[in-house]
């Protein structure tokens, strides 16, 4: 069994064959898919998907590139929406300085709001970090000093210092199809150095399809390819990486039930 801890099943890329995509994931042993919210204003659509499919769970939050559009969303709003039984995470939120879509100040304000919601609910914060390592490290250290909160450095493509600090502060590191790319030796080296009890895999579908599907639309069933490369990278079998990452998922996502149990760990 594997879990795709980060995909975007609400995106239009999947509209024509969503049933088949989710079935393919299940057929390949991807027993859970977490569909990630990028705008709280679209949360109703996301939670509708989670309610429609037994294997799909959701987050609630605002992507940093949209932060300036939703600064009116409060931690209390996120906490309230997170009470839905199929919401298992906060986010994705964070910092993205690669694009100039949202002012850094707005991103930082939104990020801190999501941290507060994660701390209050105990739900993991899905963190998007791109070209912002220094500020990300600073905010994580400062906010953890106010009180710990669970978090994931999702689709990791940053430097080794952010990975090191993230793990030191209690975070998990999630690897996407980028791990499989020939031009990503630095990311594989970082993966080798992440403690095994902090490793996760994801697709970030419909983006970043792993080899051998690179350049095509990604989907949750492809997470198995990333898991296979992660297994090779850290020197374990595919079966071991499946057990390891799945155990990590359910330790972190305490509200999401393991298949067949009906209840989470909280």
Protein backbone atom coordinates (compact mmCIF):
# COMPACT_ATOMS: atom_id res chain seq x y z
CA UNK A 1 0.00 0.00 0.00
CA UNK A 2 1.06 3.56 -0.77
CA UNK A 3 -0.48 6.96 -0.10
CA UNK A 4 -0.38 9.95 -2.43
CA UNK A 5 -0.08 12.67 0.20
CA UNK A 6 -0.49 15.56 -2.25
CA UNK A 7 -2.54 15.84 -5.43
CA UNK A 8 -5.10 18.24 -6.91
CA UNK A 9 -8.04 16.13 -7.98
CA UNK A 10 -10.29 19.20 -8.28
CA UNK A 11 -8.23 20.60 -11.16
CA UNK A 12 -9.80 20.68 -14.61
CA UNK A 13 -7.09 18.30 -15.93
CA UNK A 14 -8.98 15.44 -14.29
CA UNK A 15 -12.58 16.47 -14.99
CA UNK A 16 -13.20 14.09 -17.89
CA UNK A 17 -12.02 10.89 -16.20
CA UNK A 18 -11.82 11.43 -12.47
CA UNK A 19 -13.57 8.13 -11.66
CA UNK A 20 -11.08 6.19 -13.80
CA UNK A 21 -8.08 8.04 -12.33
CA UNK A 22 -9.09 7.23 -8.78
CA UNK A 23 -9.81 3.63 -9.72
CA UNK A 24 -6.37 3.31 -11.34
CA UNK A 25 -4.83 4.56 -8.11
CA UNK A 26 -6.68 1.94 -6.11
CA UNK A 27 -5.78 -0.77 -8.63
CA UNK A 28 -2.09 0.06 -8.08
CA UNK A 29 -2.37 -0.03 -4.31
CA UNK A 30 -2.60 3.74 -3.74
CA UNK A 31 -5.15 3.33 -0.98
CA UNK A 32 -5.43 6.99 0.01
CA UNK A 33 -5.20 10.21 -1.97
CA UNK A 34 -5.06 13.60 -0.25
CA UNK A 35 -6.45 16.33 -2.51
CA UNK A 36 -4.98 19.68 -1.56
CA UNK A 37 -6.78 23.00 -1.29
CA UNK A 38 -5.19 26.03 -2.95
CA UNK A 39 -7.99 28.55 -2.34
CA UNK A 40 -10.34 28.50 0.63
CA UNK A 41 -12.96 30.04 -1.67
CA UNK A 42 -12.95 26.75 -3.59
CA UNK A 43 -13.04 24.54 -0.51
CA UNK A 44 -16.65 23.48 -1.17
CA UNK A 45 -15.61 21.87 -4.47
CA UNK A 46 -12.68 20.08 -2.86
CA UNK A 47 -14.64 18.69 0.06
CA UNK A 48 -17.36 17.55 -2.34
CA UNK A 49 -14.76 15.33 -4.04
CA UNK A 50 -13.62 13.93 -0.71
CA UNK A 51 -17.21 13.13 0.19
CA UNK A 52 -17.77 11.43 -3.18
CA UNK A 53 -14.82 9.01 -2.98
CA UNK A 54 -14.02 6.84 0.03
CA UNK A 55 -10.26 6.90 -0.63
CA UNK A 56 -10.00 10.69 -1.02
CA UNK A 57 -9.27 13.06 1.86
CA UNK A 58 -8.68 16.80 1.77
CA UNK A 59 -6.91 19.81 3.20
CA UNK A 60 -8.08 23.40 3.66
CA UNK A 61 -5.89 26.39 2.91
CA UNK A 62 -4.52 29.03 0.55
CA UNK A 63 -1.54 28.51 -1.75
CA UNK A 64 1.13 31.21 -1.30
CA UNK A 65 0.66 32.37 -4.90
CA UNK A 66 -2.94 33.18 -3.97
CA UNK A 67 -2.18 34.58 -0.51
CA UNK A 68 -3.01 38.20 -1.36
CA UNK A 69 -6.51 37.13 -2.50
CA UNK A 70 -7.42 35.54 0.85
CA UNK A 71 -5.83 37.59 3.61
CA UNK A 72 -9.33 37.90 5.07
CA UNK A 73 -9.27 34.15 5.85
CA UNK A 74 -8.51 33.80 9.55
CA UNK A 75 -7.06 30.96 11.57
CA UNK A 76 -10.51 30.59 13.11
CA UNK A 77 -12.01 30.12 9.62
CA UNK A 78 -9.49 27.37 8.86
CA UNK A 79 -10.09 25.70 12.21
CA UNK A 80 -13.84 25.71 11.63
CA UNK A 81 -13.59 24.23 8.13
CA UNK A 82 -11.08 21.65 9.35
CA UNK A 83 -13.75 20.14 11.58
CA UNK A 84 -15.15 18.31 8.56
CA UNK A 85 -14.41 14.61 9.07
CA UNK A 86 -12.58 14.29 5.74
CA UNK A 87 -10.25 17.26 6.27
CA UNK A 88 -6.94 15.81 7.43
CA UNK A 89 -4.51 18.71 6.87
CA UNK A 90 -4.10 22.49 6.72
CA UNK A 91 -2.72 24.16 3.58
CA UNK A 92 -1.08 24.23 1.26
CA UNK A 93 0.51 27.44 2.46
CA UNK A 94 4.04 28.78 2.57
CA UNK A 95 6.38 30.92 0.50
CA UNK A 96 7.01 30.99 -3.24
CA UNK A 97 9.44 33.67 -4.39
CA UNK A 98 10.06 31.99 -7.74
CA UNK A 99 6.99 33.66 -9.20
CA UNK A 100 5.85 37.20 -8.56
CA UNK A 101 2.21 36.27 -8.07
CA UNK A 102 1.77 37.47 -4.49
CA UNK A 103 3.76 39.99 -2.43
CA UNK A 104 6.16 38.32 0.04
CA UNK A 105 4.52 40.14 2.96
CA UNK A 106 1.13 38.70 2.02
CA UNK A 107 2.61 35.22 1.70
CA UNK A 108 4.27 35.49 5.10
CA UNK A 109 1.08 36.73 6.74
CA UNK A 110 -0.96 33.93 5.22
CA UNK A 111 1.67 31.38 6.16
CA UNK A 112 1.60 32.41 9.82
CA UNK A 113 -2.21 32.22 9.81
CA UNK A 114 -2.04 28.64 8.58
CA UNK A 115 0.61 27.77 11.17
CA UNK A 116 -1.72 29.01 13.89
CA UNK A 117 -4.51 26.80 12.53
CA UNK A 118 -2.22 23.77 12.38
CA UNK A 119 -1.03 24.36 15.93
CA UNK A 120 -4.61 24.69 17.18
CA UNK A 121 -6.02 21.65 15.37
CA UNK A 122 -3.00 19.36 15.49
CA UNK A 123 -3.46 18.73 11.77
CA UNK A 124 -0.30 18.71 9.66
CA UNK A 125 0.48 21.88 7.72
CA UNK A 126 1.29 21.20 4.07
CA UNK A 127 4.09 23.65 3.28
CA UNK A 128 4.91 24.92 -0.20
CA UNK A 129 8.46 26.30 -0.29
CA UNK A 130 10.12 27.53 -3.46
CA UNK A 131 13.07 29.90 -3.80
CA UNK A 132 12.50 31.14 -0.25
CA UNK A 133 14.73 28.97 1.93
CA UNK A 134 16.09 31.73 4.16
CA UNK A 135 12.71 33.22 5.07
CA UNK A 136 11.15 29.77 5.37
CA UNK A 137 13.78 28.65 7.87
CA UNK A 138 13.41 31.87 9.85
CA UNK A 139 9.61 31.62 10.10
CA UNK A 140 9.64 27.91 10.94
CA UNK A 141 12.14 28.47 13.74
CA UNK A 142 10.31 31.50 15.10
CA UNK A 143 6.87 29.90 14.97
CA UNK A 144 8.03 26.59 16.43
CA UNK A 145 9.42 28.63 19.32
CA UNK A 146 5.83 29.72 20.04
CA UNK A 147 4.64 26.12 20.09
CA UNK A 148 5.26 23.06 17.96
CA UNK A 149 3.02 22.13 15.04
CA UNK A 150 3.16 19.17 12.63
CA UNK A 151 4.22 19.94 9.07
CA UNK A 152 5.31 18.58 5.71
CA UNK A 153 7.83 20.18 3.37
CA UNK A 154 5.90 19.10 0.30
CA UNK A 155 7.34 18.42 -3.17
CA UNK A 156 10.78 19.07 -1.80
CA UNK A 157 13.05 20.94 -4.23
CA UNK A 158 14.87 23.28 -1.85
CA UNK A 159 18.33 23.20 -0.33
CA UNK A 160 19.71 20.72 2.18
CA UNK A 161 19.68 23.31 4.99
CA UNK A 162 15.89 23.67 4.81
CA UNK A 163 15.51 19.89 4.89
CA UNK A 164 17.84 19.65 7.88
CA UNK A 165 16.09 22.41 9.83
CA UNK A 166 12.66 21.07 8.92
CA UNK A 167 13.49 17.64 10.28
CA UNK A 168 15.14 19.17 13.36
CA UNK A 169 11.90 21.05 14.08
CA UNK A 170 9.82 17.87 13.77
CA UNK A 171 8.76 18.11 10.14
CA UNK A 172 8.44 15.51 7.40
CA UNK A 173 9.89 15.77 3.90
CA UNK A 174 7.81 14.68 0.91
CA UNK A 175 9.29 13.83 -2.47
CA UNK A 176 7.52 14.09 -5.81
CA UNK A 177 8.39 13.03 -9.33
CA UNK A 178 11.29 15.50 -9.24
CA UNK A 179 13.17 12.78 -7.34
CA UNK A 180 13.14 10.61 -10.48
CA UNK A 181 14.51 13.23 -12.87
CA UNK A 182 18.03 12.69 -14.20
CA UNK A 183 18.96 16.29 -13.36
CA UNK A 184 18.01 15.94 -9.67
CA UNK A 185 21.03 14.30 -8.01
CA UNK A 186 20.98 16.94 -5.25
CA UNK A 187 17.41 16.04 -4.34
CA UNK A 188 18.27 12.34 -4.17
CA UNK A 189 21.23 13.16 -1.93
CA UNK A 190 18.91 15.11 0.38
CA UNK A 191 16.50 12.15 0.42
CA UNK A 192 19.35 9.87 1.51
CA UNK A 193 19.97 12.11 4.50
CA UNK A 194 16.36 12.46 5.68
CA UNK A 195 15.60 10.10 8.59
CA UNK A 196 13.49 7.21 7.37
CA UNK A 197 10.70 7.97 9.79
CA UNK A 198 10.24 11.41 8.14
CA UNK A 199 9.98 10.36 4.48
CA UNK A 200 6.81 10.74 2.41
CA UNK A 201 5.94 10.42 -1.28
CA UNK A 202 3.46 12.35 -3.41
CA UNK A 203 2.59 13.20 -6.99
CA UNK A 204 1.53 16.88 -6.88
CA UNK A 205 -0.66 15.73 -9.77
CA UNK A 206 -1.41 16.90 -12.39
CA UNK A 207 2.12 18.33 -12.30
CA UNK A 208 5.62 16.79 -12.25
CA UNK A 209 4.93 13.32 -13.58
CA UNK A 210 7.79 10.97 -12.65
CA UNK A 211 9.93 9.02 -15.07
CA UNK A 212 8.78 7.09 -17.14
CA UNK A 213 5.81 9.45 -17.59
CA UNK A 214 7.73 12.74 -17.46
CA UNK A 215 6.10 15.42 -19.61
CA UNK A 216 2.66 13.84 -19.38
CA UNK A 217 -0.20 14.66 -17.05
CA UNK A 218 0.52 13.20 -13.65
CA UNK A 219 -1.97 11.18 -11.60
CA UNK A 220 -2.00 9.48 -8.17
CA UNK A 221 -1.23 6.00 -9.52
CA UNK A 222 2.18 7.28 -10.66
CA UNK A 223 3.35 7.77 -7.08
CA UNK A 224 4.57 4.19 -7.23
CA UNK A 225 7.37 5.27 -9.59
CA UNK A 226 8.59 7.92 -7.16
CA UNK A 227 8.42 5.39 -4.34
CA UNK A 228 10.53 2.95 -6.37
CA UNK A 229 13.24 5.56 -6.95
CA UNK A 230 13.14 6.56 -3.28
CA UNK A 231 13.62 2.91 -2.34
CA UNK A 232 16.63 2.64 -4.65
CA UNK A 233 18.01 5.94 -3.38
CA UNK A 234 18.03 4.94 0.28
CA UNK A 235 18.88 1.27 -0.35
CA UNK A 236 15.71 -0.59 0.60
CA UNK A 237 13.20 -2.72 -1.30
CA UNK A 238 10.03 -1.34 -2.87
CA UNK A 239 8.04 -3.32 -0.31
CA UNK A 240 10.01 -1.74 2.52
CA UNK A 241 9.53 1.80 1.19
CA UNK A 242 5.79 1.18 0.88
CA UNK A 243 5.56 0.05 4.50
CA UNK A 244 7.86 2.79 5.74
CA UNK A 245 6.18 5.73 3.99
CA UNK A 246 2.68 4.43 4.72
CA UNK A 247 3.46 4.11 8.42
CA UNK A 248 4.82 7.66 8.33
CA UNK A 249 1.63 8.91 6.68
CA UNK A 250 -0.67 7.53 9.33
CA UNK A 251 1.59 8.69 12.16
CA UNK A 252 1.39 12.23 10.78
CA UNK A 253 -2.15 12.34 9.38
CA UNK A 254 -3.73 11.27 12.64
CA UNK A 255 -7.26 12.04 11.47
CA UNK A 256 -7.10 9.88 8.33
CA UNK A 257 -8.07 6.25 8.93
CA UNK A 258 -6.07 3.34 7.64
CA UNK A 259 -8.08 1.29 5.15
CA UNK A 260 -10.24 -1.21 6.97
CA UNK A 261 -10.11 0.51 10.36
CA UNK A 262 -12.74 3.22 9.95
CA UNK A 263 -11.05 5.54 12.43
CA UNK A 264 -7.97 7.72 12.59
CA UNK A 265 -5.35 7.78 15.31
CA UNK A 266 -6.53 10.91 17.06
